[in-house]
């Protein structure tokens, strides 16, 4: 592991601990996904050897070589927009899917998972900010969508996911993260599913501390953690 990588990891851990302290949370409640989409095969390997157990990729085409090299060494998260025709490549290789955003995708995941005899933890992606450039369900669609998933026995809703707009002042992202938490709480309160949904996948390099203060259980960190090479 390079000294630079080690220093970044230690700095991120300190920032997570400080954010948790401000929110009255334990750092153990927050898990870090090292987003390796912009880094090399070598850096991905270094990240895994450094103790970063969870890695995230956005596209199967970019992730394939890394997964072939290190698939057994970490927990793999698919965090990008998932095309239906790529489900066959992702399900069975990636432990979590963070971008479940439409019924056609859910049906394809269910079909592949059923064939493999596995259950796939998925995060339902909500477009809380309402940006046209972002994927995700409209928040008001969440409850009906979750109800559709009740019959899919090979999908488990691990939580909700969102992406906040990039803001020069991270504090401006707070309403987005708070909104996701409130929708998760409503999903549980109305008992749409027959189990409690706990996960909140939110917060990236620019805004993860605000996300943690608002309840993030998974943060997706690229440049601030593993760099861009």
Foldseek 3Di string as FASTA:
>chain_A
DDPVLVVLVVVVLVLLCVLCVVQVHHSLLAAEEAECLQDDLVLVVVCLVVVNQHYEYADCVSCVVNCVVCQPRHAYEHEHADDLVCLLVDPPRHQEYEEAADDSNLVSNLVNCVVVVAAHAYAAEEALVPDPVDGGHDLVCVLVVLLVCQVRPRYDHQYHEYEFDDDPDLVVRLVSLLVRVVSLVVSVVVCSDVDRHQAYEYEEDRHNSSNVSNPHSYYYYYCSNSRRD
